[in-house]
Amino acid sequence: MINGINIGLVLFLIGLYGIITNKNLIKIIMSLGISSNGIVLFFNSLGYVQGGIPPILTESSVNFVDPVPQALMLTMIVINLCDTALALAIIVWIYKKFGTVNIEEMT
């Protein structure tokens, strides 16, 4: 059965493979984004409860969906966006200095 946990792990592994094998800095940053999105999907899927109700205060307190992983992953998404913007700014500086974004061609 395919679920969010499995898809999250596959996305993380695809991104990790891209980080390890690519020599282009922009492709490495894209792979980092794919792996971080896999982590977000994995943790959001862990907090899912089949047939769960929203965590709103009611008389019964059974079978709630845990909101903590969702809140933490929203924070992670914002941090990943800032990391990506900073990394791209550094890549622009590297391109101006070396004239390439390929790791092997930098001297």
N, C-alpha and C. Protein backbone atom coordinates (compact mmCIF):
# COMPACT_ATOMS: atom_id res chain seq x y z
N MET A 1 0.84 -1.18 0.00
CA MET A 1 0.00 0.00 0.00
C MET A 1 0.89 1.25 0.00
N ILE A 2 0.57 2.16 -0.89
CA ILE A 2 1.33 3.41 -0.99
C ILE A 2 0.66 4.43 -0.09
N ASN A 3 1.43 5.02 0.82
CA ASN A 3 0.90 6.07 1.67
C ASN A 3 1.92 7.22 1.74
N GLY A 4 1.58 8.25 2.49
CA GLY A 4 2.44 9.41 2.57
C GLY A 4 3.80 9.14 3.19
N ILE A 5 3.84 8.18 4.10
CA ILE A 5 5.12 7.85 4.74
C ILE A 5 6.08 7.29 3.70
N ASN A 6 5.61 6.34 2.89
CA ASN A 6 6.46 5.74 1.86
C ASN A 6 6.89 6.76 0.81
N ILE A 7 5.96 7.59 0.38
CA ILE A 7 6.29 8.60 -0.63
C ILE A 7 7.29 9.61 -0.07
N GLY A 8 7.12 9.98 1.20
CA GLY A 8 8.07 10.89 1.83
C GLY A 8 9.47 10.31 1.88
N LEU A 9 9.58 9.03 2.21
CA LEU A 9 10.90 8.39 2.24
C LEU A 9 11.51 8.32 0.85
N VAL A 10 10.69 8.01 -0.16
CA VAL A 10 11.20 7.94 -1.53
C VAL A 10 11.68 9.31 -2.00
N LEU A 11 10.91 10.36 -1.70
CA LEU A 11 11.34 11.72 -2.07
C LEU A 11 12.64 12.10 -1.37
N PHE A 12 12.75 11.74 -0.11
CA PHE A 12 13.99 12.04 0.61
C PHE A 12 15.18 11.34 -0.03
N LEU A 13 15.01 10.07 -0.39
CA LEU A 13 16.11 9.32 -1.00
C LEU A 13 16.46 9.84 -2.39
N ILE A 14 15.45 10.25 -3.17
CA ILE A 14 15.72 10.83 -4.48
C ILE A 14 16.52 12.13 -4.33
N GLY A 15 16.12 12.97 -3.39
CA GLY A 15 16.86 14.20 -3.14
C GLY A 15 18.27 13.94 -2.64
N LEU A 16 18.43 12.96 -1.78
CA LEU A 16 19.76 12.62 -1.27
C LEU A 16 20.66 12.11 -2.40
N TYR A 17 20.11 11.31 -3.30
CA TYR A 17 20.86 10.85 -4.46
C TYR A 17 21.29 12.03 -5.33
N GLY A 18 20.40 12.99 -5.53
CA GLY A 18 20.74 14.17 -6.32
C GLY A 18 21.81 15.01 -5.66
N ILE A 19 21.77 15.13 -4.35
CA ILE A 19 22.79 15.90 -3.63
C ILE A 19 24.16 15.24 -3.80
N ILE A 20 24.20 13.93 -3.72
CA ILE A 20 25.47 13.21 -3.76
C ILE A 20 26.05 13.18 -5.17
N THR A 21 25.22 13.02 -6.20
CA THR A 21 25.73 12.77 -7.54
C THR A 21 25.91 14.01 -8.40
N ASN A 22 25.23 15.11 -8.12
CA ASN A 22 25.31 16.28 -8.98
C ASN A 22 26.55 17.11 -8.69
N LYS A 23 27.05 17.75 -9.73
CA LYS A 23 28.19 18.67 -9.61
C LYS A 23 27.76 20.13 -9.79
N ASN A 24 26.55 20.34 -10.29
CA ASN A 24 26.03 21.67 -10.50
C ASN A 24 25.39 22.16 -9.20
N LEU A 25 25.77 23.35 -8.74
CA LEU A 25 25.29 23.85 -7.46
C LEU A 25 23.78 24.09 -7.45
N ILE A 26 23.23 24.54 -8.56
CA ILE A 26 21.79 24.79 -8.61
C ILE A 26 21.02 23.47 -8.52
N LYS A 27 21.52 22.44 -9.18
CA LYS A 27 20.87 21.13 -9.08
C LYS A 27 20.98 20.55 -7.68
N ILE A 28 22.07 20.84 -7.01
CA ILE A 28 22.22 20.39 -5.63
C ILE A 28 21.18 21.07 -4.73
N ILE A 29 20.96 22.36 -4.93
CA ILE A 29 19.96 23.08 -4.15
C ILE A 29 18.56 22.55 -4.46
N MET A 30 18.28 22.24 -5.72
CA MET A 30 16.98 21.66 -6.08
C MET A 30 16.81 20.30 -5.42
N SER A 31 17.87 19.49 -5.38
CA SER A 31 17.80 18.19 -4.73
C SER A 31 17.60 18.33 -3.23
N LEU A 32 18.20 19.34 -2.65
CA LEU A 32 18.00 19.61 -1.23
C LEU A 32 16.54 19.96 -0.95
N GLY A 33 15.93 20.72 -1.84
CA GLY A 33 14.51 21.05 -1.70
C GLY A 33 13.62 19.82 -1.81
N ILE A 34 13.95 18.92 -2.72
CA ILE A 34 13.17 17.68 -2.88
C ILE A 34 13.28 16.84 -1.61
N SER A 35 14.48 16.71 -1.08
CA SER A 35 14.64 15.90 0.14
C SER A 35 13.93 16.53 1.33
N SER A 36 13.97 17.85 1.44
CA SER A 36 13.29 18.48 2.57
C SER A 36 11.77 18.38 2.42
N ASN A 37 11.26 18.42 1.21
CA ASN A 37 9.83 18.21 1.01
C ASN A 37 9.43 16.77 1.36
N GLY A 38 10.32 15.83 1.10
CA GLY A 38 10.06 14.45 1.50
C GLY A 38 9.98 14.32 3.01
N ILE A 39 10.85 15.04 3.72
CA ILE A 39 10.81 15.02 5.18
C ILE A 39 9.51 15.62 5.70
N VAL A 40 9.08 16.72 5.10
CA VAL A 40 7.82 17.36 5.50
C VAL A 40 6.65 16.40 5.29
N LEU A 41 6.60 15.75 4.13
CA LEU A 41 5.52 14.81 3.85
C LEU A 41 5.56 13.63 4.82
N PHE A 42 6.75 13.14 5.14
CA PHE A 42 6.90 12.02 6.06
C PHE A 42 6.34 12.37 7.44
N PHE A 43 6.74 13.51 8.00
CA PHE A 43 6.29 13.86 9.33
C PHE A 43 4.82 14.24 9.38
N ASN A 44 4.31 14.88 8.33
CA ASN A 44 2.88 15.16 8.29
C ASN A 44 2.07 13.88 8.21
N SER A 45 2.59 12.88 7.51
CA SER A 45 1.89 11.60 7.41
C SER A 45 1.92 10.85 8.74
N LEU A 46 2.99 11.04 9.51
CA LEU A 46 3.04 10.39 10.82
C LEU A 46 1.96 10.93 11.76
N GLY A 47 1.61 12.20 11.63
CA GLY A 47 0.60 12.79 12.51
C GLY A 47 -0.83 12.50 12.08
N TYR A 48 -1.02 11.85 10.93
CA TYR A 48 -2.37 11.58 10.43
C TYR A 48 -3.00 10.43 11.20
N VAL A 49 -4.29 10.57 11.51
CA VAL A 49 -5.05 9.52 12.19
C VAL A 49 -6.26 9.19 11.33
N GLN A 50 -6.40 7.93 10.96
CA GLN A 50 -7.54 7.51 10.14
C GLN A 50 -8.84 7.74 10.92
N GLY A 51 -9.71 8.52 10.36
CA GLY A 51 -10.99 8.82 11.01
C GLY A 51 -10.87 9.81 12.16
N GLY A 52 -9.74 10.49 12.26
CA GLY A 52 -9.53 11.45 13.35
C GLY A 52 -10.32 12.72 13.13
N ILE A 53 -10.52 13.43 14.22
CA ILE A 53 -11.25 14.70 14.15
C ILE A 53 -10.26 15.83 14.41
N PRO A 54 -10.61 17.05 14.00
CA PRO A 54 -9.71 18.19 14.25
C PRO A 54 -9.51 18.40 15.75
N PRO A 55 -8.33 18.89 16.13
CA PRO A 55 -8.05 19.07 17.55
C PRO A 55 -8.68 20.34 18.12
N ILE A 56 -10.00 20.34 18.17
CA ILE A 56 -10.75 21.46 18.72
C ILE A 56 -11.37 20.98 20.03
N LEU A 57 -11.38 21.83 21.03
CA LEU A 57 -11.90 21.42 22.33
C LEU A 57 -13.39 21.09 22.22
N THR A 58 -13.69 19.84 22.49
CA THR A 58 -15.07 19.37 22.51
C THR A 58 -15.27 18.54 23.76
N GLU A 59 -16.46 17.97 23.91
CA GLU A 59 -16.74 17.15 25.09
C GLU A 59 -15.95 15.84 25.06
N SER A 60 -15.81 15.25 23.89
CA SER A 60 -15.06 13.99 23.81
C SER A 60 -13.63 14.31 23.38
N SER A 61 -12.68 13.58 23.93
CA SER A 61 -11.28 13.83 23.60
C SER A 61 -10.62 12.57 23.06
N VAL A 62 -11.30 11.90 22.16
CA VAL A 62 -10.74 10.67 21.60
C VAL A 62 -10.48 10.86 20.12
N ASN A 63 -9.43 10.19 19.63
CA ASN A 63 -9.13 10.11 18.20
C ASN A 63 -8.87 11.48 17.56
N PHE A 64 -8.06 12.29 18.23
CA PHE A 64 -7.68 13.58 17.66
C PHE A 64 -6.50 13.41 16.71
N VAL A 65 -6.46 14.24 15.69
CA VAL A 65 -5.29 14.33 14.83
C VAL A 65 -4.28 15.22 15.54
N ASP A 66 -3.03 14.77 15.62
CA ASP A 66 -2.00 15.52 16.33
C ASP A 66 -1.58 16.75 15.52
N PRO A 67 -1.77 17.96 16.04
CA PRO A 67 -1.42 19.17 15.29
C PRO A 67 0.06 19.56 15.39
N VAL A 68 0.81 18.96 16.32
CA VAL A 68 2.20 19.37 16.54
C VAL A 68 3.07 19.11 15.32
N PRO A 69 3.02 17.91 14.68
CA PRO A 69 3.86 17.73 13.48
C PRO A 69 3.53 18.72 12.36
N GLN A 70 2.26 19.05 12.22
CA GLN A 70 1.88 20.01 11.17
C GLN A 70 2.44 21.39 11.47
N ALA A 71 2.39 21.82 12.72
CA ALA A 71 2.92 23.13 13.08
C ALA A 71 4.44 23.17 12.90
N LEU A 72 5.12 22.09 13.30
CA LEU A 72 6.57 22.05 13.13
C LEU A 72 6.96 22.04 11.65
N MET A 73 6.19 21.35 10.83
CA MET A 73 6.53 21.28 9.41
C MET A 73 6.24 22.60 8.71
N LEU A 74 5.25 23.37 9.17
CA LEU A 74 5.06 24.72 8.62
C LEU A 74 6.28 25.58 8.90
N THR A 75 6.82 25.45 10.11
CA THR A 75 8.04 26.17 10.45
C THR A 75 9.20 25.71 9.57
N MET A 76 9.29 24.41 9.34
CA MET A 76 10.37 23.87 8.51
C MET A 76 10.28 24.36 7.07
N ILE A 77 9.07 24.50 6.55
CA ILE A 77 8.89 24.99 5.19
C ILE A 77 9.43 26.42 5.07
N VAL A 78 9.13 27.26 6.05
CA VAL A 78 9.62 28.64 6.03
C VAL A 78 11.15 28.67 6.14
N ILE A 79 11.70 27.85 7.01
CA ILE A 79 13.16 27.80 7.16
C ILE A 79 13.80 27.30 5.88
N ASN A 80 13.21 26.29 5.21
CA ASN A 80 13.75 25.79 3.95
C ASN A 80 13.72 26.86 2.87
N LEU A 81 12.67 27.67 2.85
CA LEU A 81 12.60 28.75 1.88
C LEU A 81 13.73 29.75 2.10
N CYS A 82 13.99 30.09 3.35
CA CYS A 82 15.09 31.02 3.66
C CYS A 82 16.44 30.41 3.32
N ASP A 83 16.61 29.12 3.61
CA ASP A 83 17.87 28.44 3.26
C ASP A 83 18.09 28.43 1.75
N THR A 84 17.03 28.17 1.00
CA THR A 84 17.14 28.14 -0.46
C THR A 84 17.50 29.52 -1.01
N ALA A 85 16.85 30.55 -0.49
CA ALA A 85 17.15 31.91 -0.95
C ALA A 85 18.60 32.29 -0.63
N LEU A 86 19.07 31.95 0.56
CA LEU A 86 20.45 32.24 0.93
C LEU A 86 21.42 31.47 0.06
N ALA A 87 21.13 30.18 -0.17
CA ALA A 87 22.02 29.36 -1.00
C ALA A 87 22.08 29.89 -2.43
N LEU A 88 20.95 30.31 -2.98
CA LEU A 88 20.96 30.86 -4.34
C LEU A 88 21.72 32.18 -4.40
N ALA A 89 21.63 32.99 -3.36
CA ALA A 89 22.41 34.23 -3.33
C ALA A 89 23.90 33.91 -3.28
N ILE A 90 24.28 32.90 -2.52
CA ILE A 90 25.69 32.50 -2.47
C ILE A 90 26.13 31.94 -3.81
N ILE A 91 25.26 31.21 -4.49
CA ILE A 91 25.59 30.67 -5.82
C ILE A 91 25.80 31.80 -6.82
N VAL A 92 25.01 32.86 -6.74
CA VAL A 92 25.21 34.02 -7.63
C VAL A 92 26.58 34.64 -7.36
N TRP A 93 26.96 34.77 -6.10
CA TRP A 93 28.28 35.30 -5.75
C TRP A 93 29.39 34.39 -6.27
N ILE A 94 29.21 33.07 -6.14
CA ILE A 94 30.20 32.12 -6.64
C ILE A 94 30.31 32.22 -8.16
N TYR A 95 29.19 32.37 -8.85
CA TYR A 95 29.22 32.49 -10.31
C TYR A 95 29.96 33.75 -10.75
N LYS A 96 29.74 34.85 -10.03
CA LYS A 96 30.45 36.09 -10.37
C LYS A 96 31.95 35.96 -10.13
N LYS A 97 32.33 35.21 -9.11
CA LYS A 97 33.74 35.07 -8.78
C LYS A 97 34.46 34.07 -9.68
N PHE A 98 33.83 32.89 -9.92
CA PHE A 98 34.49 31.82 -10.66
C PHE A 98 34.02 31.67 -12.10
N GLY A 99 32.85 32.23 -12.44
CA GLY A 99 32.33 32.13 -13.80
C GLY A 99 31.68 30.79 -14.10
N THR A 100 31.42 29.97 -13.09
CA THR A 100 30.76 28.69 -13.28
C THR A 100 30.05 28.28 -12.00
N VAL A 101 29.07 27.39 -12.14
CA VAL A 101 28.40 26.82 -10.97
C VAL A 101 28.71 25.33 -10.85
N ASN A 102 29.63 24.84 -11.69
CA ASN A 102 30.04 23.45 -11.62
C ASN A 102 31.18 23.33 -10.62
N ILE A 103 31.05 22.40 -9.69
CA ILE A 103 32.04 22.26 -8.62
C ILE A 103 33.39 21.86 -9.17
N GLU A 104 33.40 20.99 -10.18
CA GLU A 104 34.67 20.50 -10.73
C GLU A 104 35.44 21.55 -11.52
N GLU A 105 34.74 22.55 -12.07
CA GLU A 105 35.42 23.57 -12.90
C GLU A 105 35.93 24.75 -12.08
N MET A 106 35.61 24.83 -10.80
CA MET A 106 36.09 25.93 -9.98
C MET A 106 37.55 25.72 -9.65
N THR A 107 38.32 26.80 -9.74
CA THR A 107 39.75 26.70 -9.44
C THR A 107 40.11 27.56 -8.26
